[in-house]
Amino acid sequence: MEKYNKELSEALKKFEIVLHNTPDEPNSVYIFNNFIRYFIRVKPGRFTLPASEIMAIIQHEKPLVFSLLRKQDSPYLYYLTNINLDFNEAKEKIETLKQKVETRK
């Protein structure tokens, strides 16, 4: 697997772990903020980094965390939390991307 594909694949796996293991409560904002900072630094290689899809999923599955992220004084969070994308479309794009990344071993 290419270096970049591996990095993107690992980032998507970490997202699944953070999403499923972190509760939707104010104390979780720090965890999601750190993950997002890490995620936007991932080099996706041939693929487009799915940052807007990640944010749409957080908005749907962790609405409290998302609203608190939106209130953070951060330019990158301001930008990412103001992108509107349908949850189902975001999930579908992430699943498609995971399959593409995994098949490029």
N, C-alpha and C. Protein backbone atom coordinates (compact mmCIF):
# COMPACT_ATOMS: atom_id res chain seq x y z
N MET A 1 0.86 -1.18 0.00
CA MET A 1 0.00 0.00 0.00
C MET A 1 0.89 1.24 0.00
N GLU A 2 0.54 2.20 -0.80
CA GLU A 2 1.30 3.43 -0.82
C GLU A 2 1.29 4.08 0.56
N LYS A 3 2.33 4.84 0.82
CA LYS A 3 2.45 5.52 2.12
C LYS A 3 1.22 6.37 2.40
N TYR A 4 0.79 7.18 1.40
CA TYR A 4 -0.32 8.09 1.61
C TYR A 4 -1.64 7.34 1.79
N ASN A 5 -1.81 6.26 1.03
CA ASN A 5 -3.03 5.47 1.19
C ASN A 5 -3.09 4.87 2.58
N LYS A 6 -1.95 4.41 3.07
CA LYS A 6 -1.90 3.83 4.41
C LYS A 6 -2.23 4.89 5.45
N GLU A 7 -1.70 6.09 5.28
CA GLU A 7 -1.95 7.18 6.23
C GLU A 7 -3.44 7.55 6.24
N LEU A 8 -4.05 7.64 5.06
CA LEU A 8 -5.47 7.95 4.98
C LEU A 8 -6.31 6.82 5.55
N SER A 9 -5.95 5.60 5.26
CA SER A 9 -6.68 4.44 5.79
C SER A 9 -6.63 4.42 7.31
N GLU A 10 -5.47 4.68 7.88
CA GLU A 10 -5.33 4.71 9.34
C GLU A 10 -6.14 5.86 9.94
N ALA A 11 -6.16 7.00 9.27
CA ALA A 11 -6.93 8.15 9.77
C ALA A 11 -8.43 7.83 9.78
N LEU A 12 -8.90 7.16 8.74
CA LEU A 12 -10.32 6.79 8.69
C LEU A 12 -10.67 5.77 9.77
N LYS A 13 -9.75 4.87 10.05
CA LYS A 13 -9.97 3.90 11.13
C LYS A 13 -9.99 4.60 12.49
N LYS A 14 -9.10 5.55 12.67
CA LYS A 14 -9.08 6.32 13.93
C LYS A 14 -10.38 7.10 14.10
N PHE A 15 -10.89 7.63 12.99
CA PHE A 15 -12.16 8.35 13.06
C PHE A 15 -13.28 7.44 13.56
N GLU A 16 -13.35 6.24 13.04
CA GLU A 16 -14.37 5.28 13.48
C GLU A 16 -14.24 5.01 14.98
N ILE A 17 -13.03 4.85 15.44
CA ILE A 17 -12.79 4.58 16.86
C ILE A 17 -13.22 5.77 17.72
N VAL A 18 -12.80 6.97 17.33
CA VAL A 18 -13.17 8.18 18.08
C VAL A 18 -14.68 8.36 18.09
N LEU A 19 -15.29 8.18 16.93
CA LEU A 19 -16.73 8.38 16.81
C LEU A 19 -17.52 7.41 17.69
N HIS A 20 -17.11 6.16 17.72
CA HIS A 20 -17.87 5.15 18.46
C HIS A 20 -17.53 5.07 19.94
N ASN A 21 -16.34 5.52 20.31
CA ASN A 21 -15.92 5.37 21.71
C ASN A 21 -15.98 6.65 22.53
N THR A 22 -16.36 7.75 21.90
CA THR A 22 -16.39 9.03 22.60
C THR A 22 -17.84 9.50 22.73
N PRO A 23 -18.28 9.78 23.94
CA PRO A 23 -19.68 10.21 24.14
C PRO A 23 -19.93 11.63 23.63
N ASP A 24 -21.19 11.91 23.40
CA ASP A 24 -21.60 13.24 22.95
C ASP A 24 -21.83 14.12 24.18
N GLU A 25 -20.73 14.63 24.71
CA GLU A 25 -20.80 15.48 25.91
C GLU A 25 -19.71 16.55 25.82
N PRO A 26 -19.85 17.62 26.59
CA PRO A 26 -18.88 18.73 26.50
C PRO A 26 -17.42 18.32 26.70
N ASN A 27 -17.16 17.34 27.54
CA ASN A 27 -15.78 16.91 27.78
C ASN A 27 -15.14 16.26 26.55
N SER A 28 -15.94 15.88 25.58
CA SER A 28 -15.43 15.21 24.38
C SER A 28 -14.95 16.18 23.31
N VAL A 29 -15.23 17.45 23.48
CA VAL A 29 -14.84 18.44 22.47
C VAL A 29 -13.33 18.43 22.26
N TYR A 30 -12.57 18.33 23.32
CA TYR A 30 -11.11 18.31 23.23
C TYR A 30 -10.63 17.14 22.37
N ILE A 31 -11.23 15.98 22.56
CA ILE A 31 -10.85 14.78 21.80
C ILE A 31 -11.13 14.98 20.32
N PHE A 32 -12.33 15.48 20.00
CA PHE A 32 -12.69 15.69 18.60
C PHE A 32 -11.85 16.81 17.98
N ASN A 33 -11.58 17.85 18.73
CA ASN A 33 -10.76 18.95 18.23
C ASN A 33 -9.36 18.43 17.87
N ASN A 34 -8.78 17.63 18.74
CA ASN A 34 -7.46 17.07 18.46
C ASN A 34 -7.50 16.13 17.26
N PHE A 35 -8.55 15.33 17.18
CA PHE A 35 -8.65 14.43 16.03
C PHE A 35 -8.75 15.23 14.74
N ILE A 36 -9.58 16.25 14.70
CA ILE A 36 -9.76 17.06 13.49
C ILE A 36 -8.44 17.72 13.09
N ARG A 37 -7.70 18.23 14.07
CA ARG A 37 -6.40 18.83 13.78
C ARG A 37 -5.45 17.81 13.16
N TYR A 38 -5.47 16.61 13.71
CA TYR A 38 -4.65 15.53 13.15
C TYR A 38 -5.13 15.19 11.73
N PHE A 39 -6.43 15.07 11.57
CA PHE A 39 -7.01 14.61 10.30
C PHE A 39 -6.71 15.58 9.15
N ILE A 40 -6.79 16.86 9.41
CA ILE A 40 -6.56 17.81 8.31
C ILE A 40 -5.08 17.89 7.91
N ARG A 41 -4.22 17.26 8.66
CA ARG A 41 -2.79 17.20 8.31
C ARG A 41 -2.44 15.92 7.54
N VAL A 42 -3.39 15.02 7.42
CA VAL A 42 -3.16 13.76 6.70
C VAL A 42 -2.95 14.07 5.22
N LYS A 43 -1.98 13.41 4.64
CA LYS A 43 -1.72 13.56 3.20
C LYS A 43 -2.47 12.43 2.49
N PRO A 44 -3.52 12.78 1.74
CA PRO A 44 -4.36 11.74 1.14
C PRO A 44 -3.83 11.16 -0.17
N GLY A 45 -2.70 11.62 -0.64
CA GLY A 45 -2.16 11.09 -1.89
C GLY A 45 -3.05 11.46 -3.06
N ARG A 46 -3.53 10.46 -3.78
CA ARG A 46 -4.36 10.68 -4.96
C ARG A 46 -5.80 11.07 -4.63
N PHE A 47 -6.18 10.92 -3.41
CA PHE A 47 -7.56 11.15 -3.02
C PHE A 47 -7.75 12.54 -2.42
N THR A 48 -8.99 12.96 -2.38
CA THR A 48 -9.33 14.21 -1.72
C THR A 48 -9.61 13.91 -0.26
N LEU A 49 -9.05 14.70 0.63
CA LEU A 49 -9.28 14.50 2.05
C LEU A 49 -10.76 14.74 2.37
N PRO A 50 -11.44 13.78 2.97
CA PRO A 50 -12.88 13.90 3.20
C PRO A 50 -13.23 14.67 4.49
N ALA A 51 -12.68 15.85 4.65
CA ALA A 51 -12.92 16.62 5.87
C ALA A 51 -14.38 17.04 6.01
N SER A 52 -15.01 17.46 4.92
CA SER A 52 -16.41 17.87 5.01
C SER A 52 -17.31 16.69 5.33
N GLU A 53 -16.97 15.51 4.82
CA GLU A 53 -17.75 14.31 5.13
C GLU A 53 -17.61 13.93 6.60
N ILE A 54 -16.40 14.04 7.12
CA ILE A 54 -16.15 13.75 8.54
C ILE A 54 -16.98 14.69 9.41
N MET A 55 -16.99 15.96 9.05
CA MET A 55 -17.75 16.94 9.84
C MET A 55 -19.25 16.69 9.76
N ALA A 56 -19.75 16.29 8.59
CA ALA A 56 -21.18 15.99 8.46
C ALA A 56 -21.57 14.81 9.33
N ILE A 57 -20.70 13.83 9.42
CA ILE A 57 -20.97 12.66 10.27
C ILE A 57 -20.94 13.05 11.74
N ILE A 58 -19.97 13.85 12.14
CA ILE A 58 -19.92 14.32 13.53
C ILE A 58 -21.18 15.13 13.84
N GLN A 59 -21.59 16.00 12.93
CA GLN A 59 -22.78 16.82 13.14
C GLN A 59 -24.01 15.95 13.38
N HIS A 60 -24.13 14.86 12.66
CA HIS A 60 -25.30 13.99 12.78
C HIS A 60 -25.22 13.09 14.01
N GLU A 61 -24.05 12.51 14.26
CA GLU A 61 -23.93 11.52 15.32
C GLU A 61 -23.54 12.11 16.69
N LYS A 62 -22.92 13.27 16.69
CA LYS A 62 -22.51 13.93 17.94
C LYS A 62 -22.93 15.40 17.89
N PRO A 63 -24.22 15.69 17.90
CA PRO A 63 -24.69 17.07 17.72
C PRO A 63 -24.20 18.05 18.79
N LEU A 64 -24.10 17.61 20.04
CA LEU A 64 -23.62 18.50 21.09
C LEU A 64 -22.16 18.86 20.87
N VAL A 65 -21.34 17.87 20.59
CA VAL A 65 -19.92 18.11 20.33
C VAL A 65 -19.78 19.03 19.12
N PHE A 66 -20.56 18.77 18.08
CA PHE A 66 -20.48 19.60 16.89
C PHE A 66 -20.82 21.06 17.19
N SER A 67 -21.88 21.27 17.94
CA SER A 67 -22.27 22.66 18.25
C SER A 67 -21.21 23.36 19.10
N LEU A 68 -20.56 22.62 19.98
CA LEU A 68 -19.48 23.21 20.78
C LEU A 68 -18.22 23.46 19.95
N LEU A 69 -17.95 22.59 18.98
CA LEU A 69 -16.83 22.82 18.07
C LEU A 69 -17.08 24.08 17.25
N ARG A 70 -18.32 24.27 16.86
CA ARG A 70 -18.68 25.44 16.06
C ARG A 70 -18.41 26.74 16.83
N LYS A 71 -18.51 26.68 18.15
CA LYS A 71 -18.30 27.87 18.99
C LYS A 71 -16.83 28.14 19.32
N GLN A 72 -15.96 27.21 18.96
CA GLN A 72 -14.54 27.38 19.23
C GLN A 72 -13.99 28.54 18.41
N ASP A 73 -13.01 29.23 18.96
CA ASP A 73 -12.38 30.35 18.26
C ASP A 73 -11.20 29.83 17.44
N SER A 74 -11.55 29.24 16.30
CA SER A 74 -10.54 28.64 15.45
C SER A 74 -10.94 28.80 13.98
N PRO A 75 -10.06 29.36 13.16
CA PRO A 75 -10.42 29.56 11.75
C PRO A 75 -10.74 28.27 11.01
N TYR A 76 -9.95 27.20 11.24
CA TYR A 76 -10.21 25.96 10.51
C TYR A 76 -11.51 25.32 10.97
N LEU A 77 -11.84 25.41 12.27
CA LEU A 77 -13.11 24.87 12.74
C LEU A 77 -14.29 25.69 12.24
N TYR A 78 -14.10 27.00 12.16
CA TYR A 78 -15.16 27.85 11.62
C TYR A 78 -15.49 27.41 10.20
N TYR A 79 -14.47 27.23 9.41
CA TYR A 79 -14.66 26.80 8.02
C TYR A 79 -15.31 25.42 7.96
N LEU A 80 -14.77 24.46 8.68
CA LEU A 80 -15.27 23.09 8.60
C LEU A 80 -16.67 22.91 9.17
N THR A 81 -17.02 23.68 10.18
CA THR A 81 -18.35 23.52 10.77
C THR A 81 -19.43 24.28 10.01
N ASN A 82 -19.04 25.06 9.02
CA ASN A 82 -20.02 25.79 8.22
C ASN A 82 -20.20 25.19 6.83
N ILE A 83 -19.72 24.00 6.63
CA ILE A 83 -19.95 23.28 5.37
C ILE A 83 -21.19 22.42 5.58
N ASN A 84 -22.14 22.54 4.67
CA ASN A 84 -23.36 21.75 4.78
C ASN A 84 -23.30 20.58 3.80
N LEU A 85 -23.43 19.39 4.35
CA LEU A 85 -23.40 18.18 3.53
C LEU A 85 -24.36 17.18 4.15
N ASP A 86 -25.11 16.50 3.32
CA ASP A 86 -26.08 15.53 3.78
C ASP A 86 -25.36 14.34 4.45
N PHE A 87 -25.90 13.89 5.58
CA PHE A 87 -25.29 12.80 6.34
C PHE A 87 -25.17 11.53 5.52
N ASN A 88 -26.25 11.14 4.84
CA ASN A 88 -26.22 9.89 4.06
C ASN A 88 -25.22 9.97 2.92
N GLU A 89 -25.15 11.11 2.29
CA GLU A 89 -24.18 11.31 1.22
C GLU A 89 -22.75 11.23 1.77
N ALA A 90 -22.54 11.83 2.94
CA ALA A 90 -21.22 11.79 3.57
C ALA A 90 -20.82 10.37 3.92
N LYS A 91 -21.75 9.62 4.51
CA LYS A 91 -21.45 8.22 4.87
C LYS A 91 -21.10 7.40 3.63
N GLU A 92 -21.87 7.61 2.58
CA GLU A 92 -21.63 6.87 1.34
C GLU A 92 -20.26 7.21 0.75
N LYS A 93 -19.91 8.48 0.76
CA LYS A 93 -18.60 8.89 0.23
C LYS A 93 -17.45 8.31 1.05
N ILE A 94 -17.61 8.30 2.36
CA ILE A 94 -16.57 7.73 3.24
C ILE A 94 -16.41 6.23 2.97
N GLU A 95 -17.52 5.52 2.86
CA GLU A 95 -17.45 4.07 2.59
C GLU A 95 -16.79 3.79 1.24
N THR A 96 -17.16 4.57 0.23
CA THR A 96 -16.55 4.41 -1.09
C THR A 96 -15.05 4.69 -1.03
N LEU A 97 -14.67 5.74 -0.32
CA LEU A 97 -13.26 6.07 -0.19
C LEU A 97 -12.50 4.97 0.54
N LYS A 98 -13.09 4.42 1.60
CA LYS A 98 -12.43 3.33 2.33
C LYS A 98 -12.15 2.16 1.41
N GLN A 99 -13.13 1.81 0.58
CA GLN A 99 -12.95 0.69 -0.35
C GLN A 99 -11.85 0.99 -1.35
N LYS A 100 -11.83 2.20 -1.89
CA LYS A 100 -10.79 2.57 -2.86
C LYS A 100 -9.40 2.54 -2.24
N VAL A 101 -9.29 3.06 -1.02
CA VAL A 101 -7.99 3.09 -0.35
C VAL A 101 -7.52 1.68 -0.04
N GLU A 102 -8.42 0.83 0.40
CA GLU A 102 -8.04 -0.55 0.75
C GLU A 102 -7.67 -1.37 -0.48
N THR A 103 -8.26 -1.09 -1.63
CA THR A 103 -7.96 -1.87 -2.82
C THR A 103 -6.65 -1.43 -3.48
N ARG A 104 -6.09 -0.32 -3.08
CA ARG A 104 -4.84 0.17 -3.66
C ARG A 104 -3.63 -0.29 -2.84
N LYS A 105 -3.62 -1.50 -2.43
CA LYS A 105 -2.51 -2.03 -1.63
C LYS A 105 -1.33 -2.37 -2.49
